[in-house]
Amino acid sequence: MLHTEDRKPIASRLSELKTLRDEIRLELHLAGMDLRDEWQRIERALPEPSKVAEDLKGVASEGLDRMLVELRRFQTKLRDGGGSPGQRSG
């Protein structure tokens, strides 16, 4: 768990979340079906970032941190060729 003074402002994390989501969408065309299915599951679970901040404020901070970790983990898997062999094209 991060200390309050270590956390980025919510607006910064919201922007990062949107950027990660957009980058992942662009990279998915290179991914295998298993990664596309996983992304659809993750994306369905993501709330609209601005609504989260509006509705939850302080609680959203911890939730955003978890979403960022999940998206970073998925992006790393995507970039490392985590799809089925032969599913990536280059």
PDB file of N, CA and C in Angstrom:
ATOM      1  N   MET A   1       0.843  -1.175   0.000  1.00  0.00           N
ATOM      2  CA  MET A   1       0.000   0.000   0.000  1.00  0.00           C
ATOM      3  C   MET A   1       0.889   1.239   0.000  1.00  0.00           C
ATOM      4  N   LEU A   2       0.529   2.216  -0.799  1.00  0.00           N
ATOM      5  CA  LEU A   2       1.301   3.451  -0.891  1.00  0.00           C
ATOM      6  C   LEU A   2       0.916   4.413   0.221  1.00  0.00           C
ATOM      7  N   HIS A   3       1.878   5.191   0.682  1.00  0.00           N
ATOM      8  CA  HIS A   3       1.583   6.258   1.618  1.00  0.00           C
ATOM      9  C   HIS A   3       0.984   7.418   0.848  1.00  0.00           C
ATOM     10  N   THR A   4       0.149   8.202   1.507  1.00  0.00           N
ATOM     11  CA  THR A   4      -0.539   9.307   0.847  1.00  0.00           C
ATOM     12  C   THR A   4       0.431  10.222   0.123  1.00  0.00           C
ATOM     13  N   GLU A   5       1.581  10.538   0.733  1.00  0.00           N
ATOM     14  CA  GLU A   5       2.529  11.453   0.109  1.00  0.00           C
ATOM     15  C   GLU A   5       3.209  10.847  -1.124  1.00  0.00           C
ATOM     16  N   ASP A   6       3.135   9.523  -1.315  1.00  0.00           N
ATOM     17  CA  ASP A   6       3.735   8.856  -2.463  1.00  0.00           C
ATOM     18  C   ASP A   6       2.788   8.771  -3.656  1.00  0.00           C
ATOM     19  N   ARG A   7       1.545   9.075  -3.465  1.00  0.00           N
ATOM     20  CA  ARG A   7       0.541   8.917  -4.525  1.00  0.00           C
ATOM     21  C   ARG A   7       0.541  10.104  -5.462  1.00  0.00           C
ATOM     22  N   LYS A   8       0.341   9.795  -6.747  1.00  0.00           N
ATOM     23  CA  LYS A   8       0.173  10.848  -7.740  1.00  0.00           C
ATOM     24  C   LYS A   8      -1.241  11.397  -7.598  1.00  0.00           C
ATOM     25  N   PRO A   9      -1.458  12.634  -8.014  1.00  0.00           N
ATOM     26  CA  PRO A   9      -2.822  13.164  -7.978  1.00  0.00           C
ATOM     27  C   PRO A   9      -3.758  12.299  -8.823  1.00  0.00           C
ATOM     28  N   ILE A  10      -5.012  12.251  -8.427  1.00  0.00           N
ATOM     29  CA  ILE A  10      -5.992  11.424  -9.128  1.00  0.00           C
ATOM     30  C   ILE A  10      -6.043  11.798 -10.602  1.00  0.00           C
ATOM     31  N   ALA A  11      -6.029  13.088 -10.930  1.00  0.00           N
ATOM     32  CA  ALA A  11      -6.104  13.511 -12.333  1.00  0.00           C
ATOM     33  C   ALA A  11      -4.954  12.923 -13.141  1.00  0.00           C
ATOM     34  N   SER A  12      -3.773  12.847 -12.558  1.00  0.00           N
ATOM     35  CA  SER A  12      -2.615  12.286 -13.242  1.00  0.00           C
ATOM     36  C   SER A  12      -2.807  10.796 -13.490  1.00  0.00           C
ATOM     37  N   ARG A  13      -3.318  10.086 -12.505  1.00  0.00           N
ATOM     38  CA  ARG A  13      -3.541   8.648 -12.662  1.00  0.00           C
ATOM     39  C   ARG A  13      -4.684   8.374 -13.629  1.00  0.00           C
ATOM     40  N   LEU A  14      -5.714   9.225 -13.634  1.00  0.00           N
ATOM     41  CA  LEU A  14      -6.799   9.068 -14.605  1.00  0.00           C
ATOM     42  C   LEU A  14      -6.266   9.222 -16.020  1.00  0.00           C
ATOM     43  N   SER A  15      -5.416  10.218 -16.212  1.00  0.00           N
ATOM     44  CA  SER A  15      -4.820  10.438 -17.525  1.00  0.00           C
ATOM     45  C   SER A  15      -3.960   9.241 -17.927  1.00  0.00           C
ATOM     46  N   GLU A  16      -3.179   8.725 -16.991  1.00  0.00           N
ATOM     47  CA  GLU A  16      -2.337   7.560 -17.267  1.00  0.00           C
ATOM     48  C   GLU A  16      -3.189   6.331 -17.594  1.00  0.00           C
ATOM     49  N   LEU A  17      -4.287   6.165 -16.875  1.00  0.00           N
ATOM     50  CA  LEU A  17      -5.186   5.044 -17.126  1.00  0.00           C
ATOM     51  C   LEU A  17      -5.761   5.122 -18.534  1.00  0.00           C
ATOM     52  N   LYS A  18      -6.215   6.292 -18.939  1.00  0.00           N
ATOM     53  CA  LYS A  18      -6.761   6.466 -20.285  1.00  0.00           C
ATOM     54  C   LYS A  18      -5.693   6.209 -21.345  1.00  0.00           C
ATOM     55  N   THR A  19      -4.472   6.694 -21.101  1.00  0.00           N
ATOM     56  CA  THR A  19      -3.377   6.486 -22.051  1.00  0.00           C
ATOM     57  C   THR A  19      -3.054   4.999 -22.185  1.00  0.00           C
ATOM     58  N   LEU A  20      -2.948   4.293 -21.052  1.00  0.00           N
ATOM     59  CA  LEU A  20      -2.667   2.856 -21.090  1.00  0.00           C
ATOM     60  C   LEU A  20      -3.757   2.110 -21.846  1.00  0.00           C
ATOM     61  N   ARG A  21      -5.017   2.453 -21.572  1.00  0.00           N
ATOM     62  CA  ARG A  21      -6.135   1.802 -22.257  1.00  0.00           C
ATOM     63  C   ARG A  21      -6.029   2.008 -23.762  1.00  0.00           C
ATOM     64  N   ASP A  22      -5.740   3.234 -24.181  1.00  0.00           N
ATOM     65  CA  ASP A  22      -5.631   3.532 -25.610  1.00  0.00           C
ATOM     66  C   ASP A  22      -4.445   2.822 -26.255  1.00  0.00           C
ATOM     67  N   GLU A  23      -3.300   2.776 -25.558  1.00  0.00           N
ATOM     68  CA  GLU A  23      -2.127   2.073 -26.092  1.00  0.00           C
ATOM     69  C   GLU A  23      -2.420   0.590 -26.269  1.00  0.00           C
ATOM     70  N   ILE A  24      -3.077   0.003 -25.280  1.00  0.00           N
ATOM     71  CA  ILE A  24      -3.396  -1.423 -25.349  1.00  0.00           C
ATOM     72  C   ILE A  24      -4.335  -1.704 -26.518  1.00  0.00           C
ATOM     73  N   ARG A  25      -5.327  -0.855 -26.718  1.00  0.00           N
ATOM     74  CA  ARG A  25      -6.244  -1.034 -27.848  1.00  0.00           C
ATOM     75  C   ARG A  25      -5.479  -1.048 -29.174  1.00  0.00           C
ATOM     76  N   LEU A  26      -4.492  -0.149 -29.303  1.00  0.00           N
ATOM     77  CA  LEU A  26      -3.713  -0.086 -30.536  1.00  0.00           C
ATOM     78  C   LEU A  26      -2.837  -1.329 -30.733  1.00  0.00           C
ATOM     79  N   GLU A  27      -2.340  -1.896 -29.642  1.00  0.00           N
ATOM     80  CA  GLU A  27      -1.445  -3.052 -29.728  1.00  0.00           C
ATOM     81  C   GLU A  27      -2.187  -4.377 -29.904  1.00  0.00           C
ATOM     82  N   LEU A  28      -3.480  -4.389 -29.637  1.00  0.00           N
ATOM     83  CA  LEU A  28      -4.222  -5.640 -29.679  1.00  0.00           C
ATOM     84  C   LEU A  28      -4.271  -6.290 -31.053  1.00  0.00           C
ATOM     85  N   HIS A  29      -4.140  -5.526 -32.112  1.00  0.00           N
ATOM     86  CA  HIS A  29      -4.199  -6.134 -33.441  1.00  0.00           C
ATOM     87  C   HIS A  29      -3.050  -7.099 -33.680  1.00  0.00           C
ATOM     88  N   LEU A  30      -1.994  -7.012 -32.862  1.00  0.00           N
ATOM     89  CA  LEU A  30      -0.856  -7.925 -32.979  1.00  0.00           C
ATOM     90  C   LEU A  30      -0.988  -9.146 -32.051  1.00  0.00           C
ATOM     91  N   ALA A  31      -1.988  -9.110 -31.211  1.00  0.00           N
ATOM     92  CA  ALA A  31      -2.086 -10.126 -30.164  1.00  0.00           C
ATOM     93  C   ALA A  31      -2.878 -11.349 -30.620  1.00  0.00           C
ATOM     94  N   GLY A  32      -2.677 -12.442 -29.906  1.00  0.00           N
ATOM     95  CA  GLY A  32      -3.453 -13.657 -30.140  1.00  0.00           C
ATOM     96  C   GLY A  32      -4.840 -13.519 -29.530  1.00  0.00           C
ATOM     97  N   MET A  33      -5.735 -14.417 -29.904  1.00  0.00           N
ATOM     98  CA  MET A  33      -7.116 -14.378 -29.421  1.00  0.00           C
ATOM     99  C   MET A  33      -7.205 -14.492 -27.905  1.00  0.00           C
ATOM    100  N   ASP A  34      -6.325 -15.262 -27.280  1.00  0.00           N
ATOM    101  CA  ASP A  34      -6.398 -15.410 -25.829  1.00  0.00           C
ATOM    102  C   ASP A  34      -6.167 -14.066 -25.141  1.00  0.00           C
ATOM    103  N   LEU A  35      -5.241 -13.255 -25.663  1.00  0.00           N
ATOM    104  CA  LEU A  35      -5.008 -11.940 -25.078  1.00  0.00           C
ATOM    105  C   LEU A  35      -6.161 -10.986 -25.383  1.00  0.00           C
ATOM    106  N   ARG A  36      -6.754 -11.105 -26.554  1.00  0.00           N
ATOM    107  CA  ARG A  36      -7.917 -10.275 -26.875  1.00  0.00           C
ATOM    108  C   ARG A  36      -9.066 -10.589 -25.933  1.00  0.00           C
ATOM    109  N   ASP A  37      -9.287 -11.860 -25.652  1.00  0.00           N
ATOM    110  CA  ASP A  37     -10.347 -12.260 -24.725  1.00  0.00           C
ATOM    111  C   ASP A  37     -10.067 -11.721 -23.323  1.00  0.00           C
ATOM    112  N   GLU A  38      -8.819 -11.808 -22.893  1.00  0.00           N
ATOM    113  CA  GLU A  38      -8.452 -11.291 -21.575  1.00  0.00           C
ATOM    114  C   GLU A  38      -8.664  -9.783 -21.524  1.00  0.00           C
ATOM    115  N   TRP A  39      -8.286  -9.067 -22.594  1.00  0.00           N
ATOM    116  CA  TRP A  39      -8.481  -7.615 -22.633  1.00  0.00           C
ATOM    117  C   TRP A  39      -9.971  -7.269 -22.548  1.00  0.00           C
ATOM    118  N   GLN A  40     -10.820  -8.001 -23.256  1.00  0.00           N
ATOM    119  CA  GLN A  40     -12.255  -7.725 -23.195  1.00  0.00           C
ATOM    120  C   GLN A  40     -12.786  -7.897 -21.778  1.00  0.00           C
ATOM    121  N   ARG A  41     -12.302  -8.905 -21.072  1.00  0.00           N
ATOM    122  CA  ARG A  41     -12.710  -9.116 -19.674  1.00  0.00           C
ATOM    123  C   ARG A  41     -12.266  -7.950 -18.806  1.00  0.00           C
ATOM    124  N   ILE A  42     -11.008  -7.531 -18.976  1.00  0.00           N
ATOM    125  CA  ILE A  42     -10.474  -6.412 -18.190  1.00  0.00           C
ATOM    126  C   ILE A  42     -11.229  -5.132 -18.506  1.00  0.00           C
ATOM    127  N   GLU A  43     -11.424  -4.858 -19.793  1.00  0.00           N
ATOM    128  CA  GLU A  43     -12.062  -3.606 -20.194  1.00  0.00           C
ATOM    129  C   GLU A  43     -13.498  -3.520 -19.685  1.00  0.00           C
ATOM    130  N   ARG A  44     -14.223  -4.645 -19.711  1.00  0.00           N
ATOM    131  CA  ARG A  44     -15.594  -4.647 -19.178  1.00  0.00           C
ATOM    132  C   ARG A  44     -15.609  -4.295 -17.696  1.00  0.00           C
ATOM    133  N   ALA A  45     -14.559  -4.667 -16.976  1.00  0.00           N
ATOM    134  CA  ALA A  45     -14.504  -4.417 -15.541  1.00  0.00           C
ATOM    135  C   ALA A  45     -14.069  -2.995 -15.197  1.00  0.00           C
ATOM    136  N   LEU A  46     -13.518  -2.273 -16.180  1.00  0.00           N
ATOM    137  CA  LEU A  46     -13.052  -0.917 -15.913  1.00  0.00           C
ATOM    138  C   LEU A  46     -14.214   0.060 -15.875  1.00  0.00           C
ATOM    139  N   PRO A  47     -14.345   0.794 -14.790  1.00  0.00           N
ATOM    140  CA  PRO A  47     -15.367   1.842 -14.766  1.00  0.00           C
ATOM    141  C   PRO A  47     -14.885   3.048 -15.568  1.00  0.00           C
ATOM    142  N   GLU A  48     -15.800   3.940 -15.918  1.00  0.00           N
ATOM    143  CA  GLU A  48     -15.408   5.179 -16.588  1.00  0.00           C
ATOM    144  C   GLU A  48     -14.545   5.960 -15.592  1.00  0.00           C
ATOM    145  N   PRO A  49     -13.267   6.231 -15.934  1.00  0.00           N
ATOM    146  CA  PRO A  49     -12.353   6.864 -14.975  1.00  0.00           C
ATOM    147  C   PRO A  49     -12.861   8.159 -14.359  1.00  0.00           C
ATOM    148  N   SER A  50     -13.464   9.043 -15.132  1.00  0.00           N
ATOM    149  CA  SER A  50     -13.924  10.313 -14.562  1.00  0.00           C
ATOM    150  C   SER A  50     -15.087  10.107 -13.590  1.00  0.00           C
ATOM    151  N   LYS A  51     -15.936   9.113 -13.848  1.00  0.00           N
ATOM    152  CA  LYS A  51     -17.045   8.824 -12.930  1.00  0.00           C
ATOM    153  C   LYS A  51     -16.521   8.255 -11.617  1.00  0.00           C
ATOM    154  N   VAL A  52     -15.510   7.405 -11.699  1.00  0.00           N
ATOM    155  CA  VAL A  52     -14.914   6.854 -10.479  1.00  0.00           C
ATOM    156  C   VAL A  52     -14.415   7.990  -9.586  1.00  0.00           C
ATOM    157  N   ALA A  53     -13.696   8.918 -10.190  1.00  0.00           N
ATOM    158  CA  ALA A  53     -13.138  10.029  -9.412  1.00  0.00           C
ATOM    159  C   ALA A  53     -14.244  10.886  -8.810  1.00  0.00           C
ATOM    160  N   GLU A  54     -15.284  11.124  -9.576  1.00  0.00           N
ATOM    161  CA  GLU A  54     -16.391  11.961  -9.097  1.00  0.00           C
ATOM    162  C   GLU A  54     -17.141  11.285  -7.961  1.00  0.00           C
ATOM    163  N   ASP A  55     -17.471  10.018  -8.133  1.00  0.00           N
ATOM    164  CA  ASP A  55     -18.299   9.303  -7.164  1.00  0.00           C
ATOM    165  C   ASP A  55     -17.541   8.878  -5.910  1.00  0.00           C
ATOM    166  N   LEU A  56     -16.298   8.490  -6.067  1.00  0.00           N
ATOM    167  CA  LEU A  56     -15.590   7.856  -4.962  1.00  0.00           C
ATOM    168  C   LEU A  56     -14.462   8.670  -4.344  1.00  0.00           C
ATOM    169  N   LYS A  57     -13.956   9.640  -5.041  1.00  0.00           N
ATOM    170  CA  LYS A  57     -12.859  10.512  -4.609  1.00  0.00           C
ATOM    171  C   LYS A  57     -11.766   9.745  -3.877  1.00  0.00           C
ATOM    172  N   GLY A  58     -11.719   9.764  -2.581  1.00  0.00           N
ATOM    173  CA  GLY A  58     -10.636   9.139  -1.826  1.00  0.00           C
ATOM    174  C   GLY A  58     -10.521   7.648  -2.050  1.00  0.00           C
ATOM    175  N   VAL A  59     -11.641   6.949  -2.128  1.00  0.00           N
ATOM    176  CA  VAL A  59     -11.629   5.510  -2.341  1.00  0.00           C
ATOM    177  C   VAL A  59     -11.116   5.194  -3.744  1.00  0.00           C
ATOM    178  N   ALA A  60     -11.404   6.082  -4.688  1.00  0.00           N
ATOM    179  CA  ALA A  60     -10.961   5.868  -6.065  1.00  0.00           C
ATOM    180  C   ALA A  60      -9.449   5.800  -6.166  1.00  0.00           C
ATOM    181  N   SER A  61      -8.765   6.499  -5.305  1.00  0.00           N
ATOM    182  CA  SER A  61      -7.313   6.531  -5.355  1.00  0.00           C
ATOM    183  C   SER A  61      -6.723   5.126  -5.278  1.00  0.00           C
ATOM    184  N   GLU A  62      -7.181   4.337  -4.340  1.00  0.00           N
ATOM    185  CA  GLU A  62      -6.659   2.974  -4.200  1.00  0.00           C
ATOM    186  C   GLU A  62      -7.104   2.091  -5.366  1.00  0.00           C
ATOM    187  N   GLY A  63      -8.342   2.253  -5.804  1.00  0.00           N
ATOM    188  CA  GLY A  63      -8.836   1.485  -6.937  1.00  0.00           C
ATOM    189  C   GLY A  63      -8.086   1.791  -8.220  1.00  0.00           C
ATOM    190  N   LEU A  64      -7.767   3.057  -8.433  1.00  0.00           N
ATOM    191  CA  LEU A  64      -7.002   3.448  -9.623  1.00  0.00           C
ATOM    192  C   LEU A  64      -5.616   2.829  -9.607  1.00  0.00           C
ATOM    193  N   ASP A  65      -4.999   2.796  -8.440  1.00  0.00           N
ATOM    194  CA  ASP A  65      -3.680   2.160  -8.335  1.00  0.00           C
ATOM    195  C   ASP A  65      -3.760   0.701  -8.769  1.00  0.00           C
ATOM    196  N   ARG A  66      -4.805  -0.006  -8.345  1.00  0.00           N
ATOM    197  CA  ARG A  66      -4.963  -1.413  -8.716  1.00  0.00           C
ATOM    198  C   ARG A  66      -5.201  -1.575 -10.211  1.00  0.00           C
ATOM    199  N   MET A  67      -6.026  -0.687 -10.789  1.00  0.00           N
ATOM    200  CA  MET A  67      -6.279  -0.764 -12.229  1.00  0.00           C
ATOM    201  C   MET A  67      -5.006  -0.507 -13.022  1.00  0.00           C
ATOM    202  N   LEU A  68      -4.206   0.475 -12.576  1.00  0.00           N
ATOM    203  CA  LEU A  68      -2.951   0.767 -13.266  1.00  0.00           C
ATOM    204  C   LEU A  68      -2.016  -0.434 -13.217  1.00  0.00           C
ATOM    205  N   VAL A  69      -1.936  -1.094 -12.077  1.00  0.00           N
ATOM    206  CA  VAL A  69      -1.090  -2.286 -11.951  1.00  0.00           C
ATOM    207  C   VAL A  69      -1.578  -3.368 -12.909  1.00  0.00           C
ATOM    208  N   GLU A  70      -2.891  -3.588 -12.964  1.00  0.00           N
ATOM    209  CA  GLU A  70      -3.455  -4.619 -13.843  1.00  0.00           C
ATOM    210  C   GLU A  70      -3.181  -4.290 -15.310  1.00  0.00           C
ATOM    211  N   LEU A  71      -3.368  -3.025 -15.693  1.00  0.00           N
ATOM    212  CA  LEU A  71      -3.131  -2.646 -17.087  1.00  0.00           C
ATOM    213  C   LEU A  71      -1.652  -2.720 -17.441  1.00  0.00           C
ATOM    214  N   ARG A  72      -0.776  -2.320 -16.512  1.00  0.00           N
ATOM    215  CA  ARG A  72       0.666  -2.429 -16.770  1.00  0.00           C
ATOM    216  C   ARG A  72       1.065  -3.897 -16.930  1.00  0.00           C
ATOM    217  N   ARG A  73       0.512  -4.779 -16.087  1.00  0.00           N
ATOM    218  CA  ARG A  73       0.800  -6.206 -16.163  1.00  0.00           C
ATOM    219  C   ARG A  73       0.346  -6.756 -17.509  1.00  0.00           C
ATOM    220  N   PHE A  74      -0.844  -6.397 -17.933  1.00  0.00           N
ATOM    221  CA  PHE A  74      -1.356  -6.887 -19.206  1.00  0.00           C
ATOM    222  C   PHE A  74      -0.528  -6.335 -20.364  1.00  0.00           C
ATOM    223  N   GLN A  75      -0.175  -5.052 -20.314  1.00  0.00           N
ATOM    224  CA  GLN A  75       0.622  -4.460 -21.400  1.00  0.00           C
ATOM    225  C   GLN A  75       1.989  -5.135 -21.498  1.00  0.00           C
ATOM    226  N   THR A  76       2.606  -5.452 -20.371  1.00  0.00           N
ATOM    227  CA  THR A  76       3.885  -6.158 -20.376  1.00  0.00           C
ATOM    228  C   THR A  76       3.724  -7.534 -21.013  1.00  0.00           C
ATOM    229  N   LYS A  77       2.666  -8.236 -20.642  1.00  0.00           N
ATOM    230  CA  LYS A  77       2.389  -9.555 -21.219  1.00  0.00           C
ATOM    231  C   LYS A  77       2.170  -9.435 -22.720  1.00  0.00           C
ATOM    232  N   LEU A  78       1.435  -8.417 -23.137  1.00  0.00           N
ATOM    233  CA  LEU A  78       1.163  -8.191 -24.552  1.00  0.00           C
ATOM    234  C   LEU A  78       2.447  -7.913 -25.311  1.00  0.00           C
ATOM    235  N   ARG A  79       3.285  -7.046 -24.784  1.00  0.00           N
ATOM    236  CA  ARG A  79       4.534  -6.673 -25.447  1.00  0.00           C
ATOM    237  C   ARG A  79       5.553  -7.806 -25.437  1.00  0.00           C
ATOM    238  N   ASP A  80       5.469  -8.677 -24.435  1.00  0.00           N
ATOM    239  CA  ASP A  80       6.403  -9.802 -24.358  1.00  0.00           C
ATOM    240  C   ASP A  80       5.934 -10.999 -25.168  1.00  0.00           C
ATOM    241  N   GLY A  81       4.882 -10.817 -25.940  1.00  0.00           N
ATOM    242  CA  GLY A  81       4.400 -11.911 -26.786  1.00  0.00           C
ATOM    243  C   GLY A  81       3.671 -12.960 -26.006  1.00  0.00           C
ATOM    244  N   GLY A  82       2.852 -12.563 -25.054  1.00  0.00           N
ATOM    245  CA  GLY A  82       2.132 -13.513 -24.209  1.00  0.00           C
ATOM    246  C   GLY A  82       1.035 -14.275 -24.905  1.00  0.00           C
ATOM    247  N   GLY A  83       0.774 -13.983 -26.187  1.00  0.00           N
ATOM    248  CA  GLY A  83      -0.267 -14.705 -26.926  1.00  0.00           C
ATOM    249  C   GLY A  83       0.214 -16.074 -27.339  1.00  0.00           C
ATOM    250  N   SER A  84      -0.666 -16.814 -27.959  1.00  0.00           N
ATOM    251  CA  SER A  84      -0.314 -18.145 -28.456  1.00  0.00           C
ATOM    252  C   SER A  84       0.763 -18.051 -29.516  1.00  0.00           C
ATOM    253  N   PRO A  85       1.653 -19.036 -29.603  1.00  0.00           N
ATOM    254  CA  PRO A  85       2.688 -19.024 -30.638  1.00  0.00           C
ATOM    255  C   PRO A  85       2.046 -18.937 -32.025  1.00  0.00           C
ATOM    256  N   GLY A  86       2.636 -18.126 -32.885  1.00  0.00           N
ATOM    257  CA  GLY A  86       2.137 -17.983 -34.241  1.00  0.00           C
ATOM    258  C   GLY A  86       0.969 -17.005 -34.362  1.00  0.00           C
ATOM    259  N   GLN A  87       0.539 -16.441 -33.263  1.00  0.00           N
ATOM    260  CA  GLN A  87      -0.591 -15.511 -33.317  1.00  0.00           C
ATOM    261  C   GLN A  87      -0.148 -14.081 -33.554  1.00  0.00           C
ATOM    262  N   ARG A  88       1.118 -13.776 -33.318  1.00  0.00           N
ATOM    263  CA  ARG A  88       1.623 -12.411 -33.518  1.00  0.00           C
ATOM    264  C   ARG A  88       2.171 -12.314 -34.928  1.00  0.00           C
ATOM    265  N   SER A  89       1.999 -11.130 -35.485  1.00  0.00           N
ATOM    266  CA  SER A  89       2.620 -10.871 -36.773  1.00  0.00           C
ATOM    267  C   SER A  89       3.513  -9.663 -36.620  1.00  0.00           C
ATOM    268  N   GLY A  90       4.497  -9.511 -37.439  1.00  0.00           N
ATOM    269  CA  GLY A  90       5.403  -8.412 -37.242  1.00  0.00           C
ATOM    270  C   GLY A  90       5.814  -7.817 -38.453  1.00  0.00           C
TER     271      GLY A  90
END
